[in-house]
């Protein structure tokens, strides 16, 4: 019985199916996790920056007159 379990583990270790998918997942995680960390750490600064840009864009849109060229 022990030998059978050892053989199963050896077969599992040699099996490379799914390795490519796992590698892709690890690469994506290596990119996403630091970005997520940055978003969490700098969330207030990002929020203020986006609010300022939105306010500037809204201000320009309200003063824009299509009749003036």
PDB file of N, CA and C in Angstrom:
ATOM      1  N   UNK A   1       0.824  -1.191   0.000  1.00  0.00           N
ATOM      2  CA  UNK A   1       0.000   0.000   0.000  1.00  0.00           C
ATOM      3  C   UNK A   1       0.872   1.259   0.000  1.00  0.00           C
ATOM      4  N   UNK A   2       1.940   1.238   0.813  1.00  0.00           N
ATOM      5  CA  UNK A   2       2.852   2.374   0.859  1.00  0.00           C
ATOM      6  C   UNK A   2       3.526   2.575  -0.499  1.00  0.00           C
ATOM      7  N   UNK A   3       3.905   1.487  -1.122  1.00  0.00           N
ATOM      8  CA  UNK A   3       4.557   1.564  -2.434  1.00  0.00           C
ATOM      9  C   UNK A   3       3.606   2.155  -3.475  1.00  0.00           C
ATOM     10  N   UNK A   4       2.355   1.805  -3.378  1.00  0.00           N
ATOM     11  CA  UNK A   4       1.347   2.337  -4.304  1.00  0.00           C
ATOM     12  C   UNK A   4       1.202   3.853  -4.135  1.00  0.00           C
ATOM     13  N   UNK A   5       1.203   4.317  -2.887  1.00  0.00           N
ATOM     14  CA  UNK A   5       1.111   5.753  -2.614  1.00  0.00           C
ATOM     15  C   UNK A   5       2.349   6.476  -3.142  1.00  0.00           C
ATOM     16  N   UNK A   6       3.510   5.875  -2.958  1.00  0.00           N
ATOM     17  CA  UNK A   6       4.749   6.479  -3.447  1.00  0.00           C
ATOM     18  C   UNK A   6       4.716   6.573  -4.968  1.00  0.00           C
ATOM     19  N   UNK A   7       4.254   5.527  -5.633  1.00  0.00           N
ATOM     20  CA  UNK A   7       4.147   5.553  -7.097  1.00  0.00           C
ATOM     21  C   UNK A   7       3.178   6.638  -7.559  1.00  0.00           C
ATOM     22  N   UNK A   8       2.075   6.789  -6.852  1.00  0.00           N
ATOM     23  CA  UNK A   8       1.103   7.838  -7.195  1.00  0.00           C
ATOM     24  C   UNK A   8       1.759   9.217  -7.079  1.00  0.00           C
ATOM     25  N   UNK A   9       2.496   9.431  -5.996  1.00  0.00           N
ATOM     26  CA  UNK A   9       3.157  10.724  -5.797  1.00  0.00           C
ATOM     27  C   UNK A   9       4.214  10.980  -6.867  1.00  0.00           C
ATOM     28  N   UNK A  10       4.949   9.947  -7.262  1.00  0.00           N
ATOM     29  CA  UNK A  10       5.943  10.102  -8.326  1.00  0.00           C
ATOM     30  C   UNK A  10       5.279  10.474  -9.637  1.00  0.00           C
ATOM     31  N   UNK A  11       4.156   9.827  -9.956  1.00  0.00           N
ATOM     32  CA  UNK A  11       3.419  10.144 -11.188  1.00  0.00           C
ATOM     33  C   UNK A  11       2.898  11.580 -11.155  1.00  0.00           C
ATOM     34  N   UNK A  12       2.391  11.974 -10.007  1.00  0.00           N
ATOM     35  CA  UNK A  12       1.874  13.332  -9.858  1.00  0.00           C
ATOM     36  C   UNK A  12       2.998  14.356 -10.030  1.00  0.00           C
ATOM     37  N   UNK A  13       4.161  14.038  -9.499  1.00  0.00           N
ATOM     38  CA  UNK A  13       5.300  14.947  -9.592  1.00  0.00           C
ATOM     39  C   UNK A  13       5.777  15.095 -11.043  1.00  0.00           C
ATOM     40  N   UNK A  14       5.740  14.048 -11.824  1.00  0.00           N
ATOM     41  CA  UNK A  14       6.185  14.079 -13.224  1.00  0.00           C
ATOM     42  C   UNK A  14       5.165  14.736 -14.143  1.00  0.00           C
ATOM     43  N   UNK A  15       3.913  14.744 -13.725  1.00  0.00           N
ATOM     44  CA  UNK A  15       2.839  15.281 -14.565  1.00  0.00           C
ATOM     45  C   UNK A  15       2.991  16.793 -14.680  1.00  0.00           C
ATOM     46  N   UNK A  16       3.081  17.290 -15.909  1.00  0.00           N
ATOM     47  CA  UNK A  16       3.268  18.718 -16.126  1.00  0.00           C
ATOM     48  C   UNK A  16       2.023  19.394 -16.691  1.00  0.00           C
ATOM     49  N   UNK A  17       0.929  18.676 -16.754  1.00  0.00           N
ATOM     50  CA  UNK A  17      -0.306  19.306 -17.223  1.00  0.00           C
ATOM     51  C   UNK A  17      -0.719  20.391 -16.238  1.00  0.00           C
ATOM     52  N   UNK A  18      -1.082  21.514 -16.749  1.00  0.00           N
ATOM     53  CA  UNK A  18      -1.506  22.613 -15.897  1.00  0.00           C
ATOM     54  C   UNK A  18      -0.366  23.511 -15.473  1.00  0.00           C
ATOM     55  N   UNK A  19       0.863  23.135 -15.748  1.00  0.00           N
ATOM     56  CA  UNK A  19       2.009  23.948 -15.339  1.00  0.00           C
ATOM     57  C   UNK A  19       1.994  25.305 -16.047  1.00  0.00           C
ATOM     58  N   UNK A  20       1.635  25.308 -17.317  1.00  0.00           N
ATOM     59  CA  UNK A  20       1.609  26.572 -18.059  1.00  0.00           C
ATOM     60  C   UNK A  20       0.551  27.512 -17.497  1.00  0.00           C
ATOM     61  N   UNK A  21      -0.601  26.963 -17.174  1.00  0.00           N
ATOM     62  CA  UNK A  21      -1.654  27.785 -16.581  1.00  0.00           C
ATOM     63  C   UNK A  21      -1.247  28.339 -15.228  1.00  0.00           C
ATOM     64  N   UNK A  22      -0.582  27.517 -14.447  1.00  0.00           N
ATOM     65  CA  UNK A  22      -0.115  27.962 -13.137  1.00  0.00           C
ATOM     66  C   UNK A  22       0.932  29.051 -13.283  1.00  0.00           C
ATOM     67  N   UNK A  23       1.824  28.905 -14.263  1.00  0.00           N
ATOM     68  CA  UNK A  23       2.837  29.930 -14.497  1.00  0.00           C
ATOM     69  C   UNK A  23       2.190  31.252 -14.890  1.00  0.00           C
ATOM     70  N   UNK A  24       1.195  31.201 -15.743  1.00  0.00           N
ATOM     71  CA  UNK A  24       0.482  32.427 -16.137  1.00  0.00           C
ATOM     72  C   UNK A  24      -0.187  33.071 -14.929  1.00  0.00           C
ATOM     73  N   UNK A  25      -0.801  32.248 -14.092  1.00  0.00           N
ATOM     74  CA  UNK A  25      -1.458  32.758 -12.892  1.00  0.00           C
ATOM     75  C   UNK A  25      -0.456  33.425 -11.958  1.00  0.00           C
ATOM     76  N   UNK A  26       0.711  32.835 -11.798  1.00  0.00           N
ATOM     77  CA  UNK A  26       1.734  33.420 -10.927  1.00  0.00           C
ATOM     78  C   UNK A  26       2.268  34.731 -11.506  1.00  0.00           C
ATOM     79  N   UNK A  27       2.419  34.811 -12.817  1.00  0.00           N
ATOM     80  CA  UNK A  27       2.873  36.057 -13.444  1.00  0.00           C
ATOM     81  C   UNK A  27       1.838  37.154 -13.252  1.00  0.00           C
ATOM     82  N   UNK A  28       0.581  36.826 -13.461  1.00  0.00           N
ATOM     83  CA  UNK A  28      -0.489  37.811 -13.273  1.00  0.00           C
ATOM     84  C   UNK A  28      -0.527  38.264 -11.817  1.00  0.00           C
ATOM     85  N   UNK A  29      -0.399  37.333 -10.882  1.00  0.00           N
ATOM     86  CA  UNK A  29      -0.395  37.682  -9.460  1.00  0.00           C
ATOM     87  C   UNK A  29       0.795  38.575  -9.124  1.00  0.00           C
ATOM     88  N   UNK A  30       1.938  38.315  -9.744  1.00  0.00           N
ATOM     89  CA  UNK A  30       3.129  39.134  -9.484  1.00  0.00           C
ATOM     90  C   UNK A  30       2.948  40.565  -9.980  1.00  0.00           C
ATOM     91  N   UNK A  31       2.083  40.772 -10.950  1.00  0.00           N
ATOM     92  CA  UNK A  31       1.806  42.114 -11.456  1.00  0.00           C
ATOM     93  C   UNK A  31       0.683  42.772 -10.664  1.00  0.00           C
ATOM     94  N   UNK A  32      -0.378  42.032 -10.402  1.00  0.00           N
ATOM     95  CA  UNK A  32      -1.578  42.599  -9.790  1.00  0.00           C
ATOM     96  C   UNK A  32      -1.380  42.924  -8.313  1.00  0.00           C
ATOM     97  N   UNK A  33      -0.734  42.059  -7.573  1.00  0.00           N
ATOM     98  CA  UNK A  33      -0.607  42.277  -6.127  1.00  0.00           C
ATOM     99  C   UNK A  33       0.154  43.559  -5.776  1.00  0.00           C
ATOM    100  N   UNK A  34       1.285  43.873  -6.411  1.00  0.00           N
ATOM    101  CA  UNK A  34       1.926  45.161  -6.103  1.00  0.00           C
ATOM    102  C   UNK A  34       1.055  46.361  -6.499  1.00  0.00           C
ATOM    103  N   UNK A  35       0.362  46.250  -7.628  1.00  0.00           N
ATOM    104  CA  UNK A  35      -0.524  47.351  -8.030  1.00  0.00           C
ATOM    105  C   UNK A  35      -1.649  47.542  -7.025  1.00  0.00           C
ATOM    106  N   UNK A  36      -2.208  46.455  -6.561  1.00  0.00           N
ATOM    107  CA  UNK A  36      -3.253  46.531  -5.544  1.00  0.00           C
ATOM    108  C   UNK A  36      -2.715  47.171  -4.267  1.00  0.00           C
ATOM    109  N   UNK A  37      -1.502  46.796  -3.890  1.00  0.00           N
ATOM    110  CA  UNK A  37      -0.879  47.398  -2.714  1.00  0.00           C
ATOM    111  C   UNK A  37      -0.707  48.896  -2.873  1.00  0.00           C
ATOM    112  N   UNK A  38      -0.256  49.331  -4.058  1.00  0.00           N
ATOM    113  CA  UNK A  38      -0.105  50.762  -4.309  1.00  0.00           C
ATOM    114  C   UNK A  38      -1.441  51.488  -4.255  1.00  0.00           C
ATOM    115  N   UNK A  39      -2.471  50.877  -4.820  1.00  0.00           N
ATOM    116  CA  UNK A  39      -3.798  51.503  -4.781  1.00  0.00           C
ATOM    117  C   UNK A  39      -4.298  51.647  -3.353  1.00  0.00           C
ATOM    118  N   UNK A  40      -4.038  50.663  -2.524  1.00  0.00           N
ATOM    119  CA  UNK A  40      -4.477  50.733  -1.129  1.00  0.00           C
ATOM    120  C   UNK A  40      -3.688  51.789  -0.363  1.00  0.00           C
ATOM    121  N   UNK A  41      -2.379  51.818  -0.560  1.00  0.00           N
ATOM    122  CA  UNK A  41      -1.538  52.764   0.182  1.00  0.00           C
ATOM    123  C   UNK A  41      -1.811  54.207  -0.240  1.00  0.00           C
ATOM    124  N   UNK A  42      -1.967  54.449  -1.536  1.00  0.00           N
ATOM    125  CA  UNK A  42      -2.134  55.809  -2.043  1.00  0.00           C
ATOM    126  C   UNK A  42      -3.582  56.133  -2.414  1.00  0.00           C
ATOM    127  N   UNK A  43      -4.552  55.452  -1.814  1.00  0.00           N
ATOM    128  CA  UNK A  43      -5.945  55.651  -2.217  1.00  0.00           C
ATOM    129  C   UNK A  43      -6.425  57.086  -1.996  1.00  0.00           C
ATOM    130  N   UNK A  44      -6.007  57.736  -0.914  1.00  0.00           N
ATOM    131  CA  UNK A  44      -6.470  59.108  -0.664  1.00  0.00           C
ATOM    132  C   UNK A  44      -5.879  60.082  -1.672  1.00  0.00           C
ATOM    133  N   UNK A  45      -4.602  59.924  -1.984  1.00  0.00           N
ATOM    134  CA  UNK A  45      -3.970  60.799  -2.969  1.00  0.00           C
ATOM    135  C   UNK A  45      -4.585  60.592  -4.350  1.00  0.00           C
ATOM    136  N   UNK A  46      -4.860  59.347  -4.707  1.00  0.00           N
ATOM    137  CA  UNK A  46      -5.484  59.049  -5.997  1.00  0.00           C
ATOM    138  C   UNK A  46      -6.888  59.639  -6.047  1.00  0.00           C
ATOM    139  N   UNK A  47      -7.622  59.513  -4.955  1.00  0.00           N
ATOM    140  CA  UNK A  47      -8.980  60.064  -4.902  1.00  0.00           C
ATOM    141  C   UNK A  47      -8.966  61.577  -5.089  1.00  0.00           C
ATOM    142  N   UNK A  48      -8.038  62.261  -4.417  1.00  0.00           N
ATOM    143  CA  UNK A  48      -7.937  63.720  -4.557  1.00  0.00           C
ATOM    144  C   UNK A  48      -7.531  64.109  -5.973  1.00  0.00           C
ATOM    145  N   UNK A  49      -6.596  63.362  -6.551  1.00  0.00           N
ATOM    146  CA  UNK A  49      -6.118  63.651  -7.900  1.00  0.00           C
ATOM    147  C   UNK A  49      -7.251  63.501  -8.916  1.00  0.00           C
ATOM    148  N   UNK A  50      -8.015  62.417  -8.816  1.00  0.00           N
ATOM    149  CA  UNK A  50      -9.126  62.186  -9.738  1.00  0.00           C
ATOM    150  C   UNK A  50     -10.216  63.238  -9.534  1.00  0.00           C
ATOM    151  N   UNK A  51     -10.489  63.600  -8.291  1.00  0.00           N
ATOM    152  CA  UNK A  51     -11.508  64.632  -8.015  1.00  0.00           C
ATOM    153  C   UNK A  51     -11.091  65.968  -8.621  1.00  0.00           C
ATOM    154  N   UNK A  52      -9.801  66.313  -8.518  1.00  0.00           N
ATOM    155  CA  UNK A  52      -9.328  67.571  -9.107  1.00  0.00           C
ATOM    156  C   UNK A  52      -9.463  67.545 -10.624  1.00  0.00           C
ATOM    157  N   UNK A  53      -9.062  66.457 -11.245  1.00  0.00           N
ATOM    158  CA  UNK A  53      -9.180  66.359 -12.702  1.00  0.00           C
ATOM    159  C   UNK A  53     -10.648  66.427 -13.122  1.00  0.00           C
ATOM    160  N   UNK A  54     -11.519  65.729 -12.382  1.00  0.00           N
ATOM    161  CA  UNK A  54     -12.951  65.751 -12.696  1.00  0.00           C
ATOM    162  C   UNK A  54     -13.511  67.170 -12.552  1.00  0.00           C
ATOM    163  N   UNK A  55     -13.100  67.863 -11.491  1.00  0.00           N
ATOM    164  CA  UNK A  55     -13.575  69.229 -11.273  1.00  0.00           C
ATOM    165  C   UNK A  55     -13.090  70.143 -12.395  1.00  0.00           C
ATOM    166  N   UNK A  56     -11.830  69.994 -12.796  1.00  0.00           N
ATOM    167  CA  UNK A  56     -11.303  70.807 -13.895  1.00  0.00           C
ATOM    168  C   UNK A  56     -12.044  70.513 -15.198  1.00  0.00           C
ATOM    169  N   UNK A  57     -12.317  69.256 -15.465  1.00  0.00           N
ATOM    170  CA  UNK A  57     -13.024  68.884 -16.698  1.00  0.00           C
ATOM    171  C   UNK A  57     -14.452  69.414 -16.677  1.00  0.00           C
ATOM    172  N   UNK A  58     -15.116  69.314 -15.547  1.00  0.00           N
ATOM    173  CA  UNK A  58     -16.486  69.827 -15.440  1.00  0.00           C
ATOM    174  C   UNK A  58     -16.499  71.347 -15.566  1.00  0.00           C
ATOM    175  N   UNK A  59     -15.493  72.004 -15.002  1.00  0.00           N
ATOM    176  CA  UNK A  59     -15.426  73.468 -15.096  1.00  0.00           C
ATOM    177  C   UNK A  59     -15.241  73.928 -16.528  1.00  0.00           C
ATOM    178  N   UNK A  60     -14.398  73.242 -17.279  1.00  0.00           N
ATOM    179  CA  UNK A  60     -14.179  73.591 -18.675  1.00  0.00           C
ATOM    180  C   UNK A  60     -15.422  73.304 -19.510  1.00  0.00           C
ATOM    181  N   UNK A  61     -16.115  72.236 -19.201  1.00  0.00           N
ATOM    182  CA  UNK A  61     -17.310  71.874 -19.958  1.00  0.00           C
ATOM    183  C   UNK A  61     -18.424  72.885 -19.722  1.00  0.00           C
ATOM    184  N   UNK A  62     -18.531  73.407 -18.506  1.00  0.00           N
ATOM    185  CA  UNK A  62     -19.596  74.360 -18.198  1.00  0.00           C
ATOM    186  C   UNK A  62     -19.333  75.712 -18.843  1.00  0.00           C
ATOM    187  N   UNK A  63     -18.072  76.083 -19.044  1.00  0.00           N
ATOM    188  CA  UNK A  63     -17.766  77.385 -19.641  1.00  0.00           C
ATOM    189  C   UNK A  63     -17.630  77.306 -21.153  1.00  0.00           C
ATOM    190  N   UNK A  64     -17.680  76.102 -21.725  1.00  0.00           N
ATOM    191  CA  UNK A  64     -17.516  75.947 -23.160  1.00  0.00           C
ATOM    192  C   UNK A  64     -18.773  76.402 -23.879  1.00  0.00           C
ATOM    193  N   UNK A  65     -18.602  77.233 -24.887  1.00  0.00           N
ATOM    194  CA  UNK A  65     -19.717  77.736 -25.665  1.00  0.00           C
ATOM    195  C   UNK A  65     -19.518  77.284 -27.112  1.00  0.00           C
ATOM    196  N   UNK A  66     -20.404  76.436 -27.638  1.00  0.00           N
ATOM    197  CA  UNK A  66     -20.221  75.922 -28.990  1.00  0.00           C
ATOM    198  C   UNK A  66     -20.331  76.991 -30.069  1.00  0.00           C
ATOM    199  N   UNK A  67     -20.911  78.124 -29.756  1.00  0.00           N
ATOM    200  CA  UNK A  67     -21.052  79.187 -30.763  1.00  0.00           C
ATOM    201  C   UNK A  67     -19.754  79.970 -30.939  1.00  0.00           C
ATOM    202  N   UNK A  68     -18.881  79.911 -29.959  1.00  0.00           N
ATOM    203  CA  UNK A  68     -17.597  80.605 -30.052  1.00  0.00           C
ATOM    204  C   UNK A  68     -16.579  79.657 -30.650  1.00  0.00           C
ATOM    205  N   UNK A  69     -15.927  80.114 -31.714  1.00  0.00           N
ATOM    206  CA  UNK A  69     -14.908  79.267 -32.339  1.00  0.00           C
ATOM    207  C   UNK A  69     -13.636  79.995 -32.523  1.00  0.00           C
TER     208      UNK A  69
END
